[in-house]
Amino acid sequence: MSQTERIHQIVSLLEASRHPVPIARLLDELEVSRATFKRDLDYLRDRLGAPIVWRRGEPGRPGGYLLEGVHDGPGFGLHGLWFNQSEIYALLSMHRLAASMQPGLLGEQSSSLLARITHLLGSADDDPQAILSYIRIVQSATRRRPSPWFETVARATLRRRRLDLAYYTRGRDATTQRQVSPQRLLHYRENWYLLAWCHSAADLRLFALDAMRDVRPLKTGARRVGEKRLANALGRGFGIFGGRASRRAVLRFSSEAARWIADEIWHPEQRLAHDGGALILEVPFTHPRELIMEILRHGESVEVIAPTDLRDAVRDQLQRSLSNYRG
């Protein structure tokens, strides 16, 4: 019997009993030595946070182990079970993030979180390590190098402290000094971003952590921005470069591309309509940058119908791309 199977069996035995389970019964059921049982017990308590306690015996009833509080709620949660699509994606995403977490802000907690998620992925008949090898989340977006400033930025965000930072803007190929009040840390397409109040611009700005060249925490408290304004900044438009969605892009996909696009969700408030064999997709947006990148990915299979300035911007980029191949 593997440790995973023993862990599940221990929890099942303790959850099924309203009275302390004697150690003799546990050893007999598991067919293991006291030393092995002790290791499993320590793992359940220390790594998975199981509230297992020892209760002294009473007249006519021997002492034993008890899973405290499980009969007042849904249980400890290591039953043999499987997950639906969204649950398995969430667990695997959390596992991937916890596994890639560098020592620092969360320290030892990350290893306990990783152990807990690993066992949640398993069941009485499934080895969680095997599940992790059978099911993977393959990221299509490019992952940038880890930022050396992540811990500094995260601490300032949690502790509501300002940051002084040098920020490299790739579009202008320029580095500027900024003082910012962190508001939200965002993980988007394999990259980390900081939504912060920029005291130079007197407005909310989005900063990529990998573009920070130097970061210094300040003792000054961060300026607080209202939840409504933060929600508007993150936006309901396409992509992360949000703001309040004030415009709608109308895209026409070829009949061949429509077979795939019809099943894709570009935005929760998108609209779909059929035009013969073609497909018309409408999505709300504010800033066109990320939307243009997504449109260009579909090449000749898509045409921007509206608005005119978005159509012109896509056409100009295509013409500049074509110029690379002339001659």
Protein backbone atom coordinates (compact mmCIF):
# COMPACT_ATOMS: atom_id res chain seq x y z
CA MET A 1 0.00 0.00 0.00
CA SER A 2 1.43 3.42 -1.01
CA GLN A 3 1.60 6.35 1.40
CA THR A 4 -1.16 8.09 -0.57
CA GLU A 5 -3.48 5.11 -0.06
CA ARG A 6 -2.59 4.95 3.63
CA ILE A 7 -3.25 8.69 4.06
CA HIS A 8 -6.71 8.31 2.54
CA GLN A 9 -7.45 5.23 4.61
CA ILE A 10 -6.41 6.94 7.86
CA VAL A 11 -8.68 9.90 7.12
CA SER A 12 -11.56 7.62 6.10
CA LEU A 13 -11.26 5.59 9.31
CA LEU A 14 -11.16 8.68 11.51
CA GLU A 15 -14.01 10.41 9.68
CA ALA A 16 -16.20 7.32 9.92
CA SER A 17 -15.86 7.08 13.70
CA ARG A 18 -17.43 9.38 16.27
CA HIS A 19 -15.22 7.86 18.96
CA PRO A 20 -11.42 7.74 19.22
CA VAL A 21 -9.92 5.01 17.02
CA PRO A 22 -7.41 2.85 18.95
CA ILE A 23 -3.94 2.67 17.51
CA ALA A 24 -4.14 -1.14 17.47
CA ARG A 25 -7.07 -0.96 15.04
CA LEU A 26 -5.28 1.56 12.82
CA LEU A 27 -2.13 -0.59 12.66
CA ASP A 28 -4.22 -3.68 11.89
CA GLU A 29 -6.25 -1.96 9.14
CA LEU A 30 -3.19 -0.36 7.53
CA GLU A 31 -0.91 -3.37 8.06
CA VAL A 32 2.03 -1.14 8.96
CA SER A 33 4.45 -0.69 11.86
CA ARG A 34 4.09 1.97 14.55
CA ALA A 35 7.00 3.88 13.01
CA THR A 36 5.34 4.00 9.57
CA PHE A 37 2.02 5.05 11.09
CA LYS A 38 3.77 7.79 13.08
CA ARG A 39 5.36 9.15 9.88
CA ASP A 40 1.99 9.17 8.13
CA LEU A 41 0.40 10.87 11.13
CA ASP A 42 3.10 13.56 11.20
CA TYR A 43 2.63 14.12 7.46
CA LEU A 44 -1.12 14.54 7.87
CA ARG A 45 -0.72 16.97 10.75
CA ASP A 46 2.30 19.01 9.62
CA ARG A 47 1.96 19.04 5.85
CA LEU A 48 -1.78 18.68 5.25
CA GLY A 49 -3.05 20.44 8.37
CA ALA A 50 -5.24 17.56 9.55
CA PRO A 51 -6.69 18.29 13.04
CA ILE A 52 -5.84 14.83 14.43
CA VAL A 53 -5.74 14.65 18.23
CA TRP A 54 -5.15 11.92 20.80
CA ARG A 55 -7.92 11.34 23.34
CA ARG A 56 -7.40 9.47 26.61
CA GLY A 57 -9.48 6.39 27.24
CA GLU A 58 -12.55 6.30 29.47
CA PRO A 59 -14.03 3.46 31.49
CA GLY A 60 -15.15 0.85 29.00
CA ARG A 61 -13.70 2.74 26.03
CA PRO A 62 -10.02 2.73 25.01
CA GLY A 63 -8.11 5.86 24.03
CA GLY A 64 -7.29 6.62 20.43
CA TYR A 65 -7.02 9.15 17.62
CA LEU A 66 -9.79 11.51 16.59
CA LEU A 67 -10.23 13.87 13.63
CA GLU A 68 -11.44 16.92 15.53
CA GLY A 69 -14.44 18.86 14.24
CA VAL A 70 -15.18 16.81 11.11
CA HIS A 71 -18.65 15.75 12.24
CA ASP A 72 -19.71 19.38 12.53
CA GLY A 73 -18.83 20.24 8.91
CA PRO A 74 -18.12 18.78 5.47
CA GLY A 75 -15.15 16.68 6.66
CA PHE A 76 -11.44 17.00 6.12
CA GLY A 77 -11.69 16.58 2.34
CA LEU A 78 -9.42 13.72 1.27
CA HIS A 79 -12.19 11.42 0.07
CA GLY A 80 -11.69 9.46 -3.12
CA LEU A 81 -13.08 11.91 -5.68
CA TRP A 82 -12.58 13.32 -9.14
CA PHE A 83 -12.93 16.83 -10.46
CA ASN A 84 -14.73 18.64 -13.22
CA GLN A 85 -12.90 20.64 -15.88
CA SER A 86 -12.74 23.95 -14.01
CA GLU A 87 -11.73 22.29 -10.71
CA ILE A 88 -8.85 20.30 -12.19
CA TYR A 89 -7.63 23.40 -14.05
CA ALA A 90 -7.72 25.45 -10.84
CA LEU A 91 -5.87 22.79 -8.83
CA LEU A 92 -3.22 22.25 -11.49
CA SER A 93 -2.74 26.00 -11.88
CA MET A 94 -2.30 26.40 -8.12
CA HIS A 95 0.10 23.46 -8.08
CA ARG A 96 2.17 24.96 -10.87
CA LEU A 97 2.32 28.36 -9.17
CA ALA A 98 3.19 26.83 -5.79
CA ALA A 99 5.91 24.64 -7.35
CA SER A 100 7.52 27.63 -9.09
CA MET A 101 7.33 29.86 -6.03
CA GLN A 102 10.70 31.16 -4.94
CA PRO A 103 11.64 31.22 -1.22
CA GLY A 104 10.76 34.50 0.43
CA LEU A 105 7.36 36.02 0.99
CA LEU A 106 5.47 32.82 1.82
CA GLY A 107 8.46 30.77 2.90
CA GLU A 108 7.59 27.39 4.37
CA GLN A 109 3.85 27.82 3.71
CA SER A 110 4.38 27.13 0.00
CA SER A 111 5.63 23.58 0.66
CA SER A 112 2.58 22.81 2.82
CA LEU A 113 0.30 24.27 0.16
CA LEU A 114 2.01 22.15 -2.49
CA ALA A 115 1.59 18.99 -0.42
CA ARG A 116 -2.09 19.76 0.22
CA ILE A 117 -2.82 20.36 -3.47
CA THR A 118 -0.90 17.22 -4.46
CA HIS A 119 -3.04 15.07 -2.19
CA LEU A 120 -6.24 16.77 -3.31
CA LEU A 121 -5.37 15.68 -6.84
CA GLY A 122 -5.24 12.07 -5.72
CA SER A 123 -7.91 9.72 -4.50
CA ALA A 124 -7.95 6.38 -2.77
CA ASP A 125 -7.17 4.66 -6.07
CA ASP A 126 -5.13 7.32 -7.83
CA ASP A 127 -1.53 8.30 -7.14
CA PRO A 128 -1.37 12.14 -7.25
CA GLN A 129 2.15 12.06 -8.71
CA ALA A 130 0.84 9.92 -11.56
CA ILE A 131 -2.03 12.36 -12.11
CA LEU A 132 0.46 15.22 -12.30
CA SER A 133 2.37 13.32 -14.99
CA TYR A 134 -0.78 12.43 -16.96
CA ILE A 135 -2.40 15.87 -16.92
CA ARG A 136 -0.48 19.03 -17.71
CA ILE A 137 -1.32 22.67 -18.34
CA VAL A 138 0.77 23.77 -21.32
CA GLN A 139 1.11 27.52 -21.48
CA SER A 140 1.06 29.11 -24.94
CA ALA A 141 2.13 32.57 -23.82
CA THR A 142 5.80 33.43 -23.57
CA ARG A 143 7.12 33.30 -20.04
CA ARG A 144 9.53 36.07 -19.18
CA ARG A 145 12.46 35.80 -16.81
CA PRO A 146 11.61 35.93 -13.08
CA SER A 147 11.78 39.41 -11.58
CA PRO A 148 14.34 39.88 -8.78
CA TRP A 149 11.98 42.49 -7.32
CA PHE A 150 8.93 40.26 -6.84
CA GLU A 151 9.30 39.88 -3.07
CA THR A 152 9.91 43.60 -2.57
CA VAL A 153 6.87 44.54 -4.66
CA ALA A 154 4.66 41.90 -3.03
CA ARG A 155 5.60 42.99 0.49
CA ALA A 156 4.91 46.64 -0.32
CA THR A 157 1.54 45.69 -1.84
CA LEU A 158 0.49 43.68 1.22
CA ARG A 159 1.83 46.23 3.71
CA ARG A 160 0.43 49.26 1.86
CA ARG A 161 3.79 51.01 1.38
CA ARG A 162 5.02 53.16 -1.51
CA LEU A 163 7.80 52.11 -3.88
CA ASP A 164 10.46 54.11 -5.65
CA LEU A 165 11.41 52.35 -8.87
CA ALA A 166 13.23 52.73 -12.17
CA TYR A 167 10.95 51.53 -14.97
CA TYR A 168 11.98 50.60 -18.49
CA THR A 169 9.35 51.36 -21.14
CA ARG A 170 10.10 49.10 -24.08
CA GLY A 171 7.96 51.04 -26.55
CA ARG A 172 9.97 54.23 -26.00
CA ASP A 173 13.25 52.49 -25.11
CA ALA A 174 13.51 54.77 -22.08
CA THR A 175 13.92 54.35 -18.33
CA THR A 176 12.15 56.73 -15.95
CA GLN A 177 12.11 57.07 -12.17
CA ARG A 178 8.69 56.60 -10.58
CA GLN A 179 7.17 56.73 -7.12
CA VAL A 180 4.12 54.48 -6.96
CA SER A 181 1.48 53.30 -4.49
CA PRO A 182 0.86 49.56 -5.11
CA GLN A 183 -2.77 48.48 -5.39
CA ARG A 184 -2.94 45.01 -6.96
CA LEU A 185 -0.52 42.27 -8.08
CA LEU A 186 -1.73 40.52 -11.22
CA HIS A 187 -0.59 37.25 -12.81
CA TYR A 188 -1.55 37.24 -16.49
CA ARG A 189 -0.33 34.99 -19.29
CA GLU A 190 2.68 33.76 -17.33
CA ASN A 191 3.81 37.27 -16.36
CA TRP A 192 3.44 39.40 -13.22
CA TYR A 193 2.12 42.97 -13.30
CA LEU A 194 1.60 45.66 -10.67
CA LEU A 195 -1.41 47.94 -10.83
CA ALA A 196 -0.32 51.06 -8.94
CA TRP A 197 -1.05 54.73 -8.50
CA CYS A 198 1.77 56.57 -10.26
CA HIS A 199 2.46 59.82 -8.39
CA SER A 200 4.21 61.29 -11.45
CA ALA A 201 1.26 60.69 -13.78
CA ALA A 202 -1.31 61.25 -11.01
CA ASP A 203 -3.22 58.22 -12.29
CA LEU A 204 -3.34 54.44 -12.18
CA ARG A 205 -0.75 52.66 -14.28
CA LEU A 206 0.13 49.03 -15.02
CA PHE A 207 3.78 48.01 -14.55
CA ALA A 208 5.37 44.75 -15.71
CA LEU A 209 7.64 43.42 -12.97
CA ASP A 210 10.23 42.19 -15.46
CA ALA A 211 10.59 45.80 -16.76
CA MET A 212 11.52 47.13 -13.31
CA ARG A 213 15.22 47.93 -13.20
CA ASP A 214 15.52 48.97 -9.55
CA VAL A 215 12.99 48.96 -6.72
CA ARG A 216 13.32 50.58 -3.30
CA PRO A 217 10.62 50.32 -0.59
CA LEU A 218 9.64 53.55 1.15
CA LYS A 219 8.28 54.08 4.67
CA THR A 220 5.53 56.34 3.32
CA GLY A 221 2.09 54.77 3.27
CA ALA A 222 0.56 54.00 -0.12
CA ARG A 223 -2.25 56.13 -1.47
CA ARG A 224 -5.52 54.24 -1.30
CA VAL A 225 -7.63 54.02 -4.44
CA GLY A 226 -11.32 53.15 -4.27
CA GLU A 227 -12.53 49.71 -5.31
CA LYS A 228 -14.75 51.13 -8.05
CA ARG A 229 -11.86 53.00 -9.63
CA LEU A 230 -9.65 49.90 -9.43
CA ALA A 231 -12.36 47.81 -11.07
CA ASN A 232 -12.65 50.35 -13.88
CA ALA A 233 -8.86 50.38 -14.32
CA LEU A 234 -8.69 46.61 -14.60
CA GLY A 235 -11.62 47.03 -16.89
CA ARG A 236 -14.18 44.95 -18.62
CA GLY A 237 -12.53 45.28 -21.99
CA PHE A 238 -10.37 42.84 -23.89
CA GLY A 239 -7.07 41.82 -22.23
CA ILE A 240 -5.20 43.18 -19.24
CA PHE A 241 -4.64 46.70 -20.57
CA GLY A 242 -8.12 47.61 -19.48
CA GLY A 243 -10.06 50.58 -18.35
CA ARG A 244 -13.78 50.85 -18.81
CA ALA A 245 -14.80 49.17 -22.05
CA SER A 246 -16.24 51.99 -24.15
CA ARG A 247 -15.99 50.53 -27.68
CA ARG A 248 -16.79 47.31 -29.50
CA ALA A 249 -14.67 45.65 -32.16
CA VAL A 250 -16.51 43.86 -34.96
CA LEU A 251 -14.49 41.03 -36.52
CA ARG A 252 -15.45 38.85 -39.46
CA PHE A 253 -13.91 35.35 -39.53
CA SER A 254 -13.79 33.10 -42.58
CA SER A 255 -15.96 30.00 -42.70
CA GLU A 256 -12.94 27.81 -41.97
CA ALA A 257 -11.79 29.86 -38.96
CA ALA A 258 -15.40 30.04 -37.72
CA ARG A 259 -15.25 26.34 -36.80
CA TRP A 260 -12.75 27.22 -34.05
CA ILE A 261 -13.82 30.77 -33.14
CA ALA A 262 -17.42 29.69 -32.51
CA ASP A 263 -16.19 27.69 -29.49
CA GLU A 264 -13.76 30.31 -28.16
CA ILE A 265 -14.48 32.88 -25.45
CA TRP A 266 -12.59 36.10 -26.18
CA HIS A 267 -14.59 38.06 -23.64
CA PRO A 268 -17.50 37.29 -21.26
CA GLU A 269 -19.66 39.92 -22.99
CA GLN A 270 -18.87 38.96 -26.58
CA ARG A 271 -21.55 38.57 -29.24
CA LEU A 272 -21.60 36.02 -32.05
CA ALA A 273 -23.60 36.11 -35.27
CA HIS A 274 -23.44 34.13 -38.49
CA ASP A 275 -23.06 35.75 -41.91
CA GLY A 276 -23.48 32.93 -44.36
CA GLY A 277 -20.59 30.61 -43.60
CA ALA A 278 -18.61 33.39 -41.94
CA LEU A 279 -18.77 34.34 -38.26
CA ILE A 280 -19.13 37.87 -36.85
CA LEU A 281 -17.55 38.36 -33.43
CA GLU A 282 -18.08 41.52 -31.36
CA VAL A 283 -15.88 42.17 -28.31
CA PRO A 284 -15.68 45.21 -25.99
CA PHE A 285 -12.29 46.91 -25.69
CA THR A 286 -10.62 50.07 -24.47
CA HIS A 287 -6.98 49.96 -25.54
CA PRO A 288 -6.42 48.20 -28.89
CA ARG A 289 -2.85 46.96 -28.27
CA GLU A 290 -3.58 43.43 -27.08
CA LEU A 291 -6.63 43.04 -29.29
CA ILE A 292 -4.55 43.87 -32.37
CA MET A 293 -2.02 41.20 -31.37
CA GLU A 294 -4.81 38.63 -31.15
CA ILE A 295 -6.31 39.70 -34.49
CA LEU A 296 -2.94 39.46 -36.26
CA ARG A 297 -2.53 35.93 -34.93
CA HIS A 298 -5.39 34.84 -37.22
CA GLY A 299 -3.83 36.33 -40.36
CA GLU A 300 -5.92 36.12 -43.52
CA SER A 301 -8.78 34.37 -41.69
CA VAL A 302 -10.06 37.57 -40.06
CA GLU A 303 -11.13 41.04 -41.19
CA VAL A 304 -11.79 44.02 -38.92
CA ILE A 305 -15.15 45.51 -39.87
CA ALA A 306 -15.30 48.24 -37.20
CA PRO A 307 -14.29 50.62 -35.77
CA THR A 308 -12.43 52.35 -38.60
CA ASP A 309 -9.35 53.30 -36.58
CA LEU A 310 -8.89 49.70 -35.41
CA ARG A 311 -9.23 48.49 -39.01
CA ASP A 312 -6.64 51.08 -40.12
CA ALA A 313 -4.23 50.11 -37.32
CA VAL A 314 -4.39 46.40 -38.25
CA ARG A 315 -3.98 47.21 -41.97
CA ASP A 316 -0.94 49.41 -41.26
CA GLN A 317 0.71 46.68 -39.22
CA LEU A 318 0.08 44.13 -41.95
CA GLN A 319 1.57 46.46 -44.56
CA ARG A 320 4.67 47.02 -42.42
CA SER A 321 4.99 43.27 -41.95
CA LEU A 322 4.67 42.72 -45.70
CA SER A 323 7.44 45.24 -46.36
CA ASN A 324 9.87 42.89 -44.59
CA TYR A 325 9.39 40.40 -47.42
CA ARG A 326 9.58 42.69 -50.45
CA GLY A 327 12.56 42.36 -52.75
